[in-house]
Amino acid sequence: MKFWLIFILIFFAVRYLLPIVLRLALSGFVRKQMRNGGFAVPPQARPDSGPSAQPGEVRVDYVPPVTEQGKQPHDFKGGEYIDFEEVK
């Protein structure tokens, strides 16, 4: 009988009191982070950063550098082939 009474008390404490305690603790943490700027959006992720494009225009953020044609061999057929055996 004593076991069931303790079990029921623990169950109700976890079921009803724990969410209240966690809600209070997390709301305090979130308020502290907002005061300190912990949830700030980085500048590159903001949609309003940089010049805005007009409707119908394309905005390119990165253009890869163009390689010279003389640096790549014309007979290049891919990478090195490595023979392997499947291990089961």
C-alpha atoms as a PDB file:
ATOM      1  CA  MET A   1       0.000   0.000   0.000  1.00  0.00           C
ATOM      2  CA  LYS A   2       2.825   2.375   0.867  1.00  0.00           C
ATOM      3  CA  PHE A   3       4.508   1.660  -2.492  1.00  0.00           C
ATOM      4  CA  TRP A   4       1.383   2.578  -4.459  1.00  0.00           C
ATOM      5  CA  LEU A   5       0.899   5.797  -2.506  1.00  0.00           C
ATOM      6  CA  ILE A   6       4.486   6.881  -3.220  1.00  0.00           C
ATOM      7  CA  PHE A   7       4.115   5.819  -6.864  1.00  0.00           C
ATOM      8  CA  ILE A   8       0.934   7.869  -7.304  1.00  0.00           C
ATOM      9  CA  LEU A   9       2.510  10.924  -5.630  1.00  0.00           C
ATOM     10  CA  ILE A  10       5.566  10.717  -7.886  1.00  0.00           C
ATOM     11  CA  PHE A  11       3.357  10.222 -10.960  1.00  0.00           C
ATOM     12  CA  PHE A  12       1.260  13.314 -10.204  1.00  0.00           C
ATOM     13  CA  ALA A  13       4.376  15.359  -9.408  1.00  0.00           C
ATOM     14  CA  VAL A  14       5.924  14.425 -12.745  1.00  0.00           C
ATOM     15  CA  ARG A  15       2.656  14.809 -14.631  1.00  0.00           C
ATOM     16  CA  TYR A  16       1.522  18.179 -13.261  1.00  0.00           C
ATOM     17  CA  LEU A  17       4.374  19.899 -11.417  1.00  0.00           C
ATOM     18  CA  LEU A  18       7.321  19.169 -13.709  1.00  0.00           C
ATOM     19  CA  PRO A  19       5.852  20.978 -16.771  1.00  0.00           C
ATOM     20  CA  ILE A  20       5.183  24.070 -14.661  1.00  0.00           C
ATOM     21  CA  VAL A  21       8.717  24.079 -13.270  1.00  0.00           C
ATOM     22  CA  LEU A  22      10.254  23.534 -16.707  1.00  0.00           C
ATOM     23  CA  ARG A  23       8.103  26.281 -18.252  1.00  0.00           C
ATOM     24  CA  LEU A  24       9.256  28.758 -15.606  1.00  0.00           C
ATOM     25  CA  ALA A  25      12.916  27.755 -15.931  1.00  0.00           C
ATOM     26  CA  LEU A  26      12.922  27.871 -19.741  1.00  0.00           C
ATOM     27  CA  SER A  27      11.076  31.181 -19.925  1.00  0.00           C
ATOM     28  CA  GLY A  28      13.736  32.709 -17.657  1.00  0.00           C
ATOM     29  CA  PHE A  29      16.473  31.267 -19.882  1.00  0.00           C
ATOM     30  CA  VAL A  30      14.848  32.584 -23.050  1.00  0.00           C
ATOM     31  CA  ARG A  31      14.425  36.064 -21.540  1.00  0.00           C
ATOM     32  CA  LYS A  32      18.094  36.084 -20.529  1.00  0.00           C
ATOM     33  CA  GLN A  33      19.215  35.007 -24.013  1.00  0.00           C
ATOM     34  CA  MET A  34      17.052  37.671 -25.662  1.00  0.00           C
ATOM     35  CA  ARG A  35      18.549  40.346 -23.387  1.00  0.00           C
ATOM     36  CA  ASN A  36      22.097  39.211 -24.183  1.00  0.00           C
ATOM     37  CA  GLY A  37      21.426  38.858 -27.903  1.00  0.00           C
ATOM     38  CA  GLY A  38      21.931  35.092 -27.865  1.00  0.00           C
ATOM     39  CA  PHE A  39      19.282  34.443 -30.506  1.00  0.00           C
ATOM     40  CA  ALA A  40      20.460  37.074 -32.990  1.00  0.00           C
ATOM     41  CA  VAL A  41      20.274  36.243 -36.684  1.00  0.00           C
ATOM     42  CA  PRO A  42      23.691  36.357 -38.391  1.00  0.00           C
ATOM     43  CA  PRO A  43      24.019  39.131 -40.994  1.00  0.00           C
ATOM     44  CA  GLN A  44      24.427  36.800 -43.986  1.00  0.00           C
ATOM     45  CA  ALA A  45      21.143  35.029 -43.147  1.00  0.00           C
ATOM     46  CA  ARG A  46      19.075  38.204 -43.137  1.00  0.00           C
ATOM     47  CA  PRO A  47      17.075  38.666 -46.324  1.00  0.00           C
ATOM     48  CA  ASP A  48      17.391  42.471 -46.188  1.00  0.00           C
ATOM     49  CA  SER A  49      21.205  42.507 -46.268  1.00  0.00           C
ATOM     50  CA  GLY A  50      22.887  43.891 -49.364  1.00  0.00           C
ATOM     51  CA  PRO A  51      21.338  45.559 -52.376  1.00  0.00           C
ATOM     52  CA  SER A  52      17.814  44.478 -53.130  1.00  0.00           C
ATOM     53  CA  ALA A  53      16.996  43.012 -56.542  1.00  0.00           C
ATOM     54  CA  GLN A  54      14.113  44.365 -58.540  1.00  0.00           C
ATOM     55  CA  PRO A  55      11.330  41.933 -59.480  1.00  0.00           C
ATOM     56  CA  GLY A  56      12.435  39.824 -62.429  1.00  0.00           C
ATOM     57  CA  GLU A  57      16.168  40.368 -61.832  1.00  0.00           C
ATOM     58  CA  VAL A  58      18.597  37.644 -60.805  1.00  0.00           C
ATOM     59  CA  ARG A  59      20.991  38.240 -57.926  1.00  0.00           C
ATOM     60  CA  VAL A  60      24.181  36.138 -57.885  1.00  0.00           C
ATOM     61  CA  ASP A  61      25.953  35.950 -54.525  1.00  0.00           C
ATOM     62  CA  TYR A  62      28.973  33.892 -55.608  1.00  0.00           C
ATOM     63  CA  VAL A  63      30.669  33.388 -58.949  1.00  0.00           C
ATOM     64  CA  PRO A  64      33.372  30.683 -58.943  1.00  0.00           C
ATOM     65  CA  PRO A  65      36.730  31.692 -60.427  1.00  0.00           C
ATOM     66  CA  VAL A  66      37.302  30.711 -64.034  1.00  0.00           C
ATOM     67  CA  THR A  67      40.183  28.252 -64.538  1.00  0.00           C
ATOM     68  CA  GLU A  68      42.554  28.617 -67.449  1.00  0.00           C
ATOM     69  CA  GLN A  69      42.188  26.070 -70.227  1.00  0.00           C
ATOM     70  CA  GLY A  70      45.945  25.313 -70.231  1.00  0.00           C
ATOM     71  CA  LYS A  71      45.989  24.018 -66.657  1.00  0.00           C
ATOM     72  CA  GLN A  72      43.742  20.988 -67.274  1.00  0.00           C
ATOM     73  CA  PRO A  73      45.166  18.186 -69.465  1.00  0.00           C
ATOM     74  CA  HIS A  74      43.025  17.372 -72.493  1.00  0.00           C
ATOM     75  CA  ASP A  75      43.403  13.596 -72.036  1.00  0.00           C
ATOM     76  CA  PHE A  76      42.106  13.604 -68.438  1.00  0.00           C
ATOM     77  CA  LYS A  77      39.489  10.858 -68.114  1.00  0.00           C
ATOM     78  CA  GLY A  78      38.657  11.098 -64.412  1.00  0.00           C
ATOM     79  CA  GLY A  79      40.288  10.129 -61.161  1.00  0.00           C
ATOM     80  CA  GLU A  80      42.409   7.162 -60.190  1.00  0.00           C
ATOM     81  CA  TYR A  81      40.624   3.794 -60.198  1.00  0.00           C
ATOM     82  CA  ILE A  82      41.079   1.806 -56.980  1.00  0.00           C
ATOM     83  CA  ASP A  83      40.125  -1.880 -57.069  1.00  0.00           C
ATOM     84  CA  PHE A  84      38.419  -3.106 -53.903  1.00  0.00           C
ATOM     85  CA  GLU A  85      36.773  -6.224 -52.578  1.00  0.00           C
ATOM     86  CA  GLU A  86      33.453  -6.068 -50.769  1.00  0.00           C
ATOM     87  CA  VAL A  87      33.740  -7.354 -47.192  1.00  0.00           C
ATOM     88  CA  LYS A  88      30.679  -9.004 -45.739  1.00  0.00           C
END
